[in-house]
Amino acid sequence: MTENNELKEYADGWMTERKGTDAPAFLKLSFPIIGLSAVAYLILQMYGDVNHATRGAFVKQFNAATHTSPALMYTIAVMVLIYVVVVAAFAIRTFHEE
């Protein structure tokens, strides 16, 4: 069994971890993958599902009535991309014990 001083507790004991451990590689890799997927989805679905067989015509009519702003959507996508890069860099960086 491990000593109590080798464990760190977070959230009033809901989470514990051994001192000196780092996040697993798959978890570190999941941050950029999920973030880049969100940016890709935002750009690819900017105008909605216009090529769908049944609802595509309705989406095109809605887009014509509401006048979507590509500049705004690309600006938001760039801001999300910057956020993803910062979070991924924070997650992948070298581990330092506090």
PDB file of N, CA and C in Angstrom:
ATOM      1  N   MET A   1       0.842  -1.183   0.000  1.00  0.00           N
ATOM      2  CA  MET A   1       0.000   0.000   0.000  1.00  0.00           C
ATOM      3  C   MET A   1       0.886   1.245   0.000  1.00  0.00           C
ATOM      4  N   THR A   2       0.405   2.328  -0.568  1.00  0.00           N
ATOM      5  CA  THR A   2       1.196   3.550  -0.652  1.00  0.00           C
ATOM      6  C   THR A   2       1.007   4.404   0.594  1.00  0.00           C
ATOM      7  N   GLU A   3       1.995   5.193   0.863  1.00  0.00           N
ATOM      8  CA  GLU A   3       1.926   6.134   1.974  1.00  0.00           C
ATOM      9  C   GLU A   3       0.982   7.274   1.604  1.00  0.00           C
ATOM     10  N   ASN A   4       0.400   7.916   2.592  1.00  0.00           N
ATOM     11  CA  ASN A   4      -0.519   9.017   2.366  1.00  0.00           C
ATOM     12  C   ASN A   4       0.186  10.242   1.794  1.00  0.00           C
ATOM     13  N   ASN A   5       1.492  10.414   2.116  1.00  0.00           N
ATOM     14  CA  ASN A   5       2.191  11.596   1.635  1.00  0.00           C
ATOM     15  C   ASN A   5       2.589  11.475   0.168  1.00  0.00           C
ATOM     16  N   GLU A   6       2.386  10.314  -0.457  1.00  0.00           N
ATOM     17  CA  GLU A   6       2.694  10.147  -1.875  1.00  0.00           C
ATOM     18  C   GLU A   6       1.496  10.464  -2.758  1.00  0.00           C
ATOM     19  N   LEU A   7       0.354  10.739  -2.180  1.00  0.00           N
ATOM     20  CA  LEU A   7      -0.857  11.009  -2.950  1.00  0.00           C
ATOM     21  C   LEU A   7      -1.249  12.470  -2.814  1.00  0.00           C
ATOM     22  N   LYS A   8      -1.769  13.022  -3.903  1.00  0.00           N
ATOM     23  CA  LYS A   8      -2.333  14.381  -3.904  1.00  0.00           C
ATOM     24  C   LYS A   8      -3.833  14.251  -4.086  1.00  0.00           C
ATOM     25  N   GLU A   9      -4.567  15.082  -3.388  1.00  0.00           N
ATOM     26  CA  GLU A   9      -6.013  15.070  -3.509  1.00  0.00           C
ATOM     27  C   GLU A   9      -6.487  16.374  -4.109  1.00  0.00           C
ATOM     28  N   TYR A  10      -7.482  16.272  -4.958  1.00  0.00           N
ATOM     29  CA  TYR A  10      -8.130  17.427  -5.569  1.00  0.00           C
ATOM     30  C   TYR A  10      -9.620  17.332  -5.285  1.00  0.00           C
ATOM     31  N   ALA A  11     -10.292  18.469  -5.305  1.00  0.00           N
ATOM     32  CA  ALA A  11     -11.749  18.535  -5.160  1.00  0.00           C
ATOM     33  C   ALA A  11     -12.211  17.812  -3.896  1.00  0.00           C
ATOM     34  N   ASP A  12     -11.582  18.145  -2.781  1.00  0.00           N
ATOM     35  CA  ASP A  12     -11.941  17.571  -1.481  1.00  0.00           C
ATOM     36  C   ASP A  12     -11.915  16.043  -1.475  1.00  0.00           C
ATOM     37  N   GLY A  13     -10.937  15.466  -2.160  1.00  0.00           N
ATOM     38  CA  GLY A  13     -10.765  14.021  -2.137  1.00  0.00           C
ATOM     39  C   GLY A  13     -11.491  13.262  -3.232  1.00  0.00           C
ATOM     40  N   TRP A  14     -12.209  13.942  -4.097  1.00  0.00           N
ATOM     41  CA  TRP A  14     -12.895  13.251  -5.196  1.00  0.00           C
ATOM     42  C   TRP A  14     -11.902  12.694  -6.208  1.00  0.00           C
ATOM     43  N   MET A  15     -10.770  13.353  -6.351  1.00  0.00           N
ATOM     44  CA  MET A  15      -9.744  12.888  -7.281  1.00  0.00           C
ATOM     45  C   MET A  15      -8.428  12.788  -6.514  1.00  0.00           C
ATOM     46  N   THR A  16      -7.727  11.703  -6.712  1.00  0.00           N
ATOM     47  CA  THR A  16      -6.405  11.544  -6.124  1.00  0.00           C
ATOM     48  C   THR A  16      -5.442  11.081  -7.202  1.00  0.00           C
ATOM     49  N   GLU A  17      -4.188  11.451  -7.049  1.00  0.00           N
ATOM     50  CA  GLU A  17      -3.160  10.984  -7.963  1.00  0.00           C
ATOM     51  C   GLU A  17      -1.845  10.894  -7.214  1.00  0.00           C
ATOM     52  N   ARG A  18      -0.973  10.078  -7.728  1.00  0.00           N
ATOM     53  CA  ARG A  18       0.344   9.907  -7.134  1.00  0.00           C
ATOM     54  C   ARG A  18       1.194  11.116  -7.486  1.00  0.00           C
ATOM     55  N   LYS A  19       1.960  11.614  -6.523  1.00  0.00           N
ATOM     56  CA  LYS A  19       2.824  12.770  -6.767  1.00  0.00           C
ATOM     57  C   LYS A  19       3.857  12.421  -7.823  1.00  0.00           C
ATOM     58  N   GLY A  20       4.130  13.376  -8.708  1.00  0.00           N
ATOM     59  CA  GLY A  20       5.131  13.189  -9.748  1.00  0.00           C
ATOM     60  C   GLY A  20       4.620  12.521 -11.002  1.00  0.00           C
ATOM     61  N   THR A  21       3.326  12.223 -11.086  1.00  0.00           N
ATOM     62  CA  THR A  21       2.790  11.591 -12.290  1.00  0.00           C
ATOM     63  C   THR A  21       2.344  12.656 -13.279  1.00  0.00           C
ATOM     64  N   ASP A  22       2.368  12.291 -14.519  1.00  0.00           N
ATOM     65  CA  ASP A  22       1.953  13.185 -15.596  1.00  0.00           C
ATOM     66  C   ASP A  22       0.725  12.588 -16.272  1.00  0.00           C
ATOM     67  N   ALA A  23       0.020  13.390 -17.047  1.00  0.00           N
ATOM     68  CA  ALA A  23      -1.147  12.903 -17.780  1.00  0.00           C
ATOM     69  C   ALA A  23      -0.690  11.902 -18.842  1.00  0.00           C
ATOM     70  N   PRO A  24      -1.506  10.897 -19.138  1.00  0.00           N
ATOM     71  CA  PRO A  24      -1.135   9.927 -20.161  1.00  0.00           C
ATOM     72  C   PRO A  24      -1.054  10.580 -21.541  1.00  0.00           C
ATOM     73  N   ALA A  25      -0.272   9.976 -22.418  1.00  0.00           N
ATOM     74  CA  ALA A  25      -0.055  10.542 -23.757  1.00  0.00           C
ATOM     75  C   ALA A  25      -1.352  10.629 -24.557  1.00  0.00           C
ATOM     76  N   PHE A  26      -2.228   9.619 -24.431  1.00  0.00           N
ATOM     77  CA  PHE A  26      -3.475   9.666 -25.196  1.00  0.00           C
ATOM     78  C   PHE A  26      -4.341  10.837 -24.765  1.00  0.00           C
ATOM     79  N   LEU A  27      -4.285  11.195 -23.482  1.00  0.00           N
ATOM     80  CA  LEU A  27      -5.063  12.335 -23.007  1.00  0.00           C
ATOM     81  C   LEU A  27      -4.475  13.641 -23.531  1.00  0.00           C
ATOM     82  N   LYS A  28      -3.155  13.728 -23.548  1.00  0.00           N
ATOM     83  CA  LYS A  28      -2.511  14.918 -24.099  1.00  0.00           C
ATOM     84  C   LYS A  28      -2.809  15.063 -25.589  1.00  0.00           C
ATOM     85  N   LEU A  29      -2.865  13.951 -26.292  1.00  0.00           N
ATOM     86  CA  LEU A  29      -3.139  13.983 -27.726  1.00  0.00           C
ATOM     87  C   LEU A  29      -4.607  14.300 -28.017  1.00  0.00           C
ATOM     88  N   SER A  30      -5.481  13.988 -27.068  1.00  0.00           N
ATOM     89  CA  SER A  30      -6.905  14.229 -27.302  1.00  0.00           C
ATOM     90  C   SER A  30      -7.253  15.715 -27.359  1.00  0.00           C
ATOM     91  N   PHE A  31      -6.516  16.572 -26.648  1.00  0.00           N
ATOM     92  CA  PHE A  31      -6.814  18.005 -26.670  1.00  0.00           C
ATOM     93  C   PHE A  31      -6.719  18.597 -28.077  1.00  0.00           C
ATOM     94  N   PRO A  32      -5.601  18.438 -28.800  1.00  0.00           N
ATOM     95  CA  PRO A  32      -5.560  19.018 -30.146  1.00  0.00           C
ATOM     96  C   PRO A  32      -6.492  18.315 -31.127  1.00  0.00           C
ATOM     97  N   ILE A  33      -6.692  17.019 -30.978  1.00  0.00           N
ATOM     98  CA  ILE A  33      -7.579  16.316 -31.914  1.00  0.00           C
ATOM     99  C   ILE A  33      -9.012  16.800 -31.770  1.00  0.00           C
ATOM    100  N   ILE A  34      -9.500  16.882 -30.547  1.00  0.00           N
ATOM    101  CA  ILE A  34     -10.877  17.343 -30.323  1.00  0.00           C
ATOM    102  C   ILE A  34     -11.023  18.803 -30.725  1.00  0.00           C
ATOM    103  N   GLY A  35     -10.043  19.633 -30.376  1.00  0.00           N
ATOM    104  CA  GLY A  35     -10.114  21.049 -30.733  1.00  0.00           C
ATOM    105  C   GLY A  35     -10.083  21.292 -32.229  1.00  0.00           C
ATOM    106  N   LEU A  36      -9.180  20.605 -32.936  1.00  0.00           N
ATOM    107  CA  LEU A  36      -9.111  20.775 -34.390  1.00  0.00           C
ATOM    108  C   LEU A  36     -10.358  20.216 -35.071  1.00  0.00           C
ATOM    109  N   SER A  37     -10.937  19.169 -34.518  1.00  0.00           N
ATOM    110  CA  SER A  37     -12.196  18.641 -35.060  1.00  0.00           C
ATOM    111  C   SER A  37     -13.321  19.657 -34.897  1.00  0.00           C
ATOM    112  N   ALA A  38     -13.338  20.360 -33.772  1.00  0.00           N
ATOM    113  CA  ALA A  38     -14.356  21.384 -33.553  1.00  0.00           C
ATOM    114  C   ALA A  38     -14.195  22.540 -34.535  1.00  0.00           C
ATOM    115  N   VAL A  39     -12.957  22.953 -34.794  1.00  0.00           N
ATOM    116  CA  VAL A  39     -12.717  24.030 -35.768  1.00  0.00           C
ATOM    117  C   VAL A  39     -13.122  23.582 -37.162  1.00  0.00           C
ATOM    118  N   ALA A  40     -12.761  22.352 -37.535  1.00  0.00           N
ATOM    119  CA  ALA A  40     -13.137  21.831 -38.856  1.00  0.00           C
ATOM    120  C   ALA A  40     -14.650  21.755 -39.000  1.00  0.00           C
ATOM    121  N   TYR A  41     -15.336  21.288 -37.964  1.00  0.00           N
ATOM    122  CA  TYR A  41     -16.794  21.219 -38.011  1.00  0.00           C
ATOM    123  C   TYR A  41     -17.401  22.608 -38.159  1.00  0.00           C
ATOM    124  N   LEU A  42     -16.861  23.581 -37.445  1.00  0.00           N
ATOM    125  CA  LEU A  42     -17.364  24.948 -37.523  1.00  0.00           C
ATOM    126  C   LEU A  42     -17.249  25.494 -38.944  1.00  0.00           C
ATOM    127  N   ILE A  43     -16.126  25.231 -39.589  1.00  0.00           N
ATOM    128  CA  ILE A  43     -15.930  25.739 -40.947  1.00  0.00           C
ATOM    129  C   ILE A  43     -16.746  24.945 -41.964  1.00  0.00           C
ATOM    130  N   LEU A  44     -16.750  23.619 -41.847  1.00  0.00           N
ATOM    131  CA  LEU A  44     -17.468  22.798 -42.822  1.00  0.00           C
ATOM    132  C   LEU A  44     -18.978  22.951 -42.727  1.00  0.00           C
ATOM    133  N   GLN A  45     -19.484  23.217 -41.533  1.00  0.00           N
ATOM    134  CA  GLN A  45     -20.928  23.364 -41.353  1.00  0.00           C
ATOM    135  C   GLN A  45     -21.355  24.828 -41.206  1.00  0.00           C
ATOM    136  N   MET A  46     -20.556  25.723 -41.749  1.00  0.00           N
ATOM    137  CA  MET A  46     -20.829  27.153 -41.623  1.00  0.00           C
ATOM    138  C   MET A  46     -22.186  27.531 -42.227  1.00  0.00           C
ATOM    139  N   TYR A  47     -22.518  26.950 -43.329  1.00  0.00           N
ATOM    140  CA  TYR A  47     -23.776  27.281 -44.005  1.00  0.00           C
ATOM    141  C   TYR A  47     -24.858  26.250 -43.741  1.00  0.00           C
ATOM    142  N   GLY A  48     -24.598  25.288 -42.877  1.00  0.00           N
ATOM    143  CA  GLY A  48     -25.575  24.261 -42.572  1.00  0.00           C
ATOM    144  C   GLY A  48     -25.443  23.083 -43.525  1.00  0.00           C
ATOM    145  N   ASP A  49     -26.384  22.204 -43.441  1.00  0.00           N
ATOM    146  CA  ASP A  49     -26.373  20.966 -44.234  1.00  0.00           C
ATOM    147  C   ASP A  49     -27.109  21.203 -45.554  1.00  0.00           C
ATOM    148  N   VAL A  50     -26.530  22.016 -46.436  1.00  0.00           N
ATOM    149  CA  VAL A  50     -27.209  22.420 -47.671  1.00  0.00           C
ATOM    150  C   VAL A  50     -27.283  21.302 -48.695  1.00  0.00           C
ATOM    151  N   ASN A  51     -26.474  20.269 -48.584  1.00  0.00           N
ATOM    152  CA  ASN A  51     -26.481  19.181 -49.566  1.00  0.00           C
ATOM    153  C   ASN A  51     -27.306  17.984 -49.124  1.00  0.00           C
ATOM    154  N   HIS A  52     -28.032  18.096 -48.020  1.00  0.00           N
ATOM    155  CA  HIS A  52     -28.865  16.996 -47.548  1.00  0.00           C
ATOM    156  C   HIS A  52     -30.057  16.822 -48.478  1.00  0.00           C
ATOM    157  N   ALA A  53     -30.464  15.583 -48.691  1.00  0.00           N
ATOM    158  CA  ALA A  53     -31.521  15.278 -49.657  1.00  0.00           C
ATOM    159  C   ALA A  53     -32.872  15.886 -49.275  1.00  0.00           C
ATOM    160  N   THR A  54     -33.249  15.831 -48.005  1.00  0.00           N
ATOM    161  CA  THR A  54     -34.582  16.300 -47.633  1.00  0.00           C
ATOM    162  C   THR A  54     -34.593  17.707 -47.060  1.00  0.00           C
ATOM    163  N   ARG A  55     -33.640  18.073 -46.232  1.00  0.00           N
ATOM    164  CA  ARG A  55     -33.692  19.385 -45.603  1.00  0.00           C
ATOM    165  C   ARG A  55     -32.762  20.404 -46.246  1.00  0.00           C
ATOM    166  N   GLY A  56     -32.023  20.016 -47.260  1.00  0.00           N
ATOM    167  CA  GLY A  56     -31.077  20.923 -47.903  1.00  0.00           C
ATOM    168  C   GLY A  56     -31.743  22.163 -48.487  1.00  0.00           C
ATOM    169  N   ALA A  57     -32.913  21.997 -49.089  1.00  0.00           N
ATOM    170  CA  ALA A  57     -33.619  23.141 -49.674  1.00  0.00           C
ATOM    171  C   ALA A  57     -34.056  24.129 -48.586  1.00  0.00           C
ATOM    172  N   PHE A  58     -34.504  23.607 -47.459  1.00  0.00           N
ATOM    173  CA  PHE A  58     -34.922  24.482 -46.359  1.00  0.00           C
ATOM    174  C   PHE A  58     -33.732  25.252 -45.780  1.00  0.00           C
ATOM    175  N   VAL A  59     -32.596  24.582 -45.691  1.00  0.00           N
ATOM    176  CA  VAL A  59     -31.396  25.239 -45.170  1.00  0.00           C
ATOM    177  C   VAL A  59     -30.952  26.346 -46.121  1.00  0.00           C
ATOM    178  N   LYS A  60     -31.034  26.106 -47.414  1.00  0.00           N
ATOM    179  CA  LYS A  60     -30.670  27.139 -48.395  1.00  0.00           C
ATOM    180  C   LYS A  60     -31.604  28.330 -48.297  1.00  0.00           C
ATOM    181  N   GLN A  61     -32.907  28.086 -48.110  1.00  0.00           N
ATOM    182  CA  GLN A  61     -33.870  29.178 -47.952  1.00  0.00           C
ATOM    183  C   GLN A  61     -33.595  29.962 -46.667  1.00  0.00           C
ATOM    184  N   PHE A  62     -33.283  29.263 -45.598  1.00  0.00           N
ATOM    185  CA  PHE A  62     -32.971  29.922 -44.335  1.00  0.00           C
ATOM    186  C   PHE A  62     -31.714  30.773 -44.482  1.00  0.00           C
ATOM    187  N   ASN A  63     -30.695  30.248 -45.145  1.00  0.00           N
ATOM    188  CA  ASN A  63     -29.469  31.013 -45.361  1.00  0.00           C
ATOM    189  C   ASN A  63     -29.726  32.267 -46.187  1.00  0.00           C
ATOM    190  N   ALA A  64     -30.590  32.157 -47.190  1.00  0.00           N
ATOM    191  CA  ALA A  64     -30.907  33.317 -48.017  1.00  0.00           C
ATOM    192  C   ALA A  64     -31.670  34.379 -47.210  1.00  0.00           C
ATOM    193  N   ALA A  65     -32.496  33.936 -46.287  1.00  0.00           N
ATOM    194  CA  ALA A  65     -33.287  34.882 -45.497  1.00  0.00           C
ATOM    195  C   ALA A  65     -32.476  35.526 -44.386  1.00  0.00           C
ATOM    196  N   THR A  66     -31.508  34.816 -43.837  1.00  0.00           N
ATOM    197  CA  THR A  66     -30.789  35.339 -42.686  1.00  0.00           C
ATOM    198  C   THR A  66     -29.451  35.984 -43.039  1.00  0.00           C
ATOM    199  N   HIS A  67     -28.943  35.769 -44.222  1.00  0.00           N
ATOM    200  CA  HIS A  67     -27.686  36.383 -44.681  1.00  0.00           C
ATOM    201  C   HIS A  67     -26.542  36.115 -43.706  1.00  0.00           C
ATOM    202  N   THR A  68     -26.051  34.890 -43.718  1.00  0.00           N
ATOM    203  CA  THR A  68     -24.944  34.529 -42.841  1.00  0.00           C
ATOM    204  C   THR A  68     -23.701  35.349 -43.178  1.00  0.00           C
ATOM    205  N   SER A  69     -22.853  35.548 -42.187  1.00  0.00           N
ATOM    206  CA  SER A  69     -21.653  36.353 -42.352  1.00  0.00           C
ATOM    207  C   SER A  69     -20.413  35.451 -42.333  1.00  0.00           C
ATOM    208  N   PRO A  70     -19.834  35.181 -43.500  1.00  0.00           N
ATOM    209  CA  PRO A  70     -18.635  34.339 -43.525  1.00  0.00           C
ATOM    210  C   PRO A  70     -17.463  34.968 -42.768  1.00  0.00           C
ATOM    211  N   ALA A  71     -17.334  36.290 -42.824  1.00  0.00           N
ATOM    212  CA  ALA A  71     -16.224  36.946 -42.124  1.00  0.00           C
ATOM    213  C   ALA A  71     -16.329  36.719 -40.617  1.00  0.00           C
ATOM    214  N   LEU A  72     -17.526  36.822 -40.069  1.00  0.00           N
ATOM    215  CA  LEU A  72     -17.722  36.582 -38.647  1.00  0.00           C
ATOM    216  C   LEU A  72     -17.408  35.125 -38.300  1.00  0.00           C
ATOM    217  N   MET A  73     -17.863  34.197 -39.118  1.00  0.00           N
ATOM    218  CA  MET A  73     -17.636  32.789 -38.831  1.00  0.00           C
ATOM    219  C   MET A  73     -16.152  32.435 -38.921  1.00  0.00           C
ATOM    220  N   TYR A  74     -15.453  32.971 -39.901  1.00  0.00           N
ATOM    221  CA  TYR A  74     -14.014  32.704 -40.003  1.00  0.00           C
ATOM    222  C   TYR A  74     -13.255  33.361 -38.844  1.00  0.00           C
ATOM    223  N   THR A  75     -13.701  34.532 -38.404  1.00  0.00           N
ATOM    224  CA  THR A  75     -13.080  35.186 -37.257  1.00  0.00           C
ATOM    225  C   THR A  75     -13.248  34.330 -36.002  1.00  0.00           C
ATOM    226  N   ILE A  76     -14.445  33.804 -35.800  1.00  0.00           N
ATOM    227  CA  ILE A  76     -14.689  32.926 -34.658  1.00  0.00           C
ATOM    228  C   ILE A  76     -13.855  31.658 -34.772  1.00  0.00           C
ATOM    229  N   ALA A  77     -13.754  31.092 -35.978  1.00  0.00           N
ATOM    230  CA  ALA A  77     -12.950  29.890 -36.180  1.00  0.00           C
ATOM    231  C   ALA A  77     -11.477  30.150 -35.874  1.00  0.00           C
ATOM    232  N   VAL A  78     -10.965  31.313 -36.252  1.00  0.00           N
ATOM    233  CA  VAL A  78      -9.574  31.652 -35.953  1.00  0.00           C
ATOM    234  C   VAL A  78      -9.382  31.816 -34.449  1.00  0.00           C
ATOM    235  N   MET A  79     -10.336  32.445 -33.770  1.00  0.00           N
ATOM    236  CA  MET A  79     -10.235  32.596 -32.317  1.00  0.00           C
ATOM    237  C   MET A  79     -10.260  31.235 -31.625  1.00  0.00           C
ATOM    238  N   VAL A  80     -11.114  30.336 -32.086  1.00  0.00           N
ATOM    239  CA  VAL A  80     -11.165  28.990 -31.520  1.00  0.00           C
ATOM    240  C   VAL A  80      -9.854  28.257 -31.801  1.00  0.00           C
ATOM    241  N   LEU A  81      -9.304  28.423 -32.997  1.00  0.00           N
ATOM    242  CA  LEU A  81      -8.040  27.785 -33.345  1.00  0.00           C
ATOM    243  C   LEU A  81      -6.903  28.283 -32.452  1.00  0.00           C
ATOM    244  N   ILE A  82      -6.868  29.574 -32.191  1.00  0.00           N
ATOM    245  CA  ILE A  82      -5.851  30.121 -31.280  1.00  0.00           C
ATOM    246  C   ILE A  82      -6.018  29.525 -29.887  1.00  0.00           C
ATOM    247  N   TYR A  83      -7.247  29.420 -29.431  1.00  0.00           N
ATOM    248  CA  TYR A  83      -7.510  28.814 -28.130  1.00  0.00           C
ATOM    249  C   TYR A  83      -7.050  27.354 -28.099  1.00  0.00           C
ATOM    250  N   VAL A  84      -7.324  26.617 -29.163  1.00  0.00           N
ATOM    251  CA  VAL A  84      -6.918  25.213 -29.234  1.00  0.00           C
ATOM    252  C   VAL A  84      -5.398  25.090 -29.194  1.00  0.00           C
ATOM    253  N   VAL A  85      -4.696  25.966 -29.902  1.00  0.00           N
ATOM    254  CA  VAL A  85      -3.233  25.925 -29.900  1.00  0.00           C
ATOM    255  C   VAL A  85      -2.691  26.201 -28.499  1.00  0.00           C
ATOM    256  N   VAL A  86      -3.265  27.174 -27.806  1.00  0.00           N
ATOM    257  CA  VAL A  86      -2.804  27.505 -26.458  1.00  0.00           C
ATOM    258  C   VAL A  86      -3.077  26.346 -25.496  1.00  0.00           C
ATOM    259  N   VAL A  87      -4.272  25.781 -25.553  1.00  0.00           N
ATOM    260  CA  VAL A  87      -4.618  24.670 -24.655  1.00  0.00           C
ATOM    261  C   VAL A  87      -3.755  23.444 -24.964  1.00  0.00           C
ATOM    262  N   ALA A  88      -3.541  23.152 -26.255  1.00  0.00           N
ATOM    263  CA  ALA A  88      -2.711  22.004 -26.628  1.00  0.00           C
ATOM    264  C   ALA A  88      -1.265  22.209 -26.170  1.00  0.00           C
ATOM    265  N   ALA A  89      -0.755  23.417 -26.320  1.00  0.00           N
ATOM    266  CA  ALA A  89       0.612  23.688 -25.871  1.00  0.00           C
ATOM    267  C   ALA A  89       0.711  23.547 -24.351  1.00  0.00           C
ATOM    268  N   PHE A  90      -0.310  23.978 -23.637  1.00  0.00           N
ATOM    269  CA  PHE A  90      -0.328  23.838 -22.187  1.00  0.00           C
ATOM    270  C   PHE A  90      -0.409  22.365 -21.776  1.00  0.00           C
ATOM    271  N   ALA A  91      -1.198  21.575 -22.503  1.00  0.00           N
ATOM    272  CA  ALA A  91      -1.384  20.170 -22.157  1.00  0.00           C
ATOM    273  C   ALA A  91      -0.164  19.325 -22.495  1.00  0.00           C
ATOM    274  N   ILE A  92       0.535  19.661 -23.560  1.00  0.00           N
ATOM    275  CA  ILE A  92       1.649  18.832 -24.026  1.00  0.00           C
ATOM    276  C   ILE A  92       2.972  19.217 -23.370  1.00  0.00           C
ATOM    277  N   ARG A  93       3.033  20.388 -22.779  1.00  0.00           N
ATOM    278  CA  ARG A  93       4.320  20.860 -22.221  1.00  0.00           C
ATOM    279  C   ARG A  93       4.844  19.910 -21.158  1.00  0.00           C
ATOM    280  N   THR A  94       6.089  20.112 -20.801  1.00  0.00           N
ATOM    281  CA  THR A  94       6.766  19.292 -19.826  1.00  0.00           C
ATOM    282  C   THR A  94       6.116  19.433 -18.454  1.00  0.00           C
ATOM    283  N   PHE A  95       5.981  18.345 -17.767  1.00  0.00           N
ATOM    284  CA  PHE A  95       5.345  18.313 -16.463  1.00  0.00           C
ATOM    285  C   PHE A  95       6.262  18.879 -15.394  1.00  0.00           C
ATOM    286  N   HIS A  96       5.732  19.732 -14.524  1.00  0.00           N
ATOM    287  CA  HIS A  96       6.472  20.290 -13.392  1.00  0.00           C
ATOM    288  C   HIS A  96       5.647  20.093 -12.139  1.00  0.00           C
ATOM    289  N   GLU A  97       6.217  19.457 -11.133  1.00  0.00           N
ATOM    290  CA  GLU A  97       5.530  19.246  -9.854  1.00  0.00           C
ATOM    291  C   GLU A  97       5.501  20.557  -9.071  1.00  0.00           C
ATOM    292  N   GLU A  98       4.374  20.872  -8.475  1.00  0.00           N
ATOM    293  CA  GLU A  98       4.260  22.113  -7.694  1.00  0.00           C
ATOM    294  C   GLU A  98       4.740  21.941  -6.289  1.00  0.00           C
TER     295      GLU A  98
END
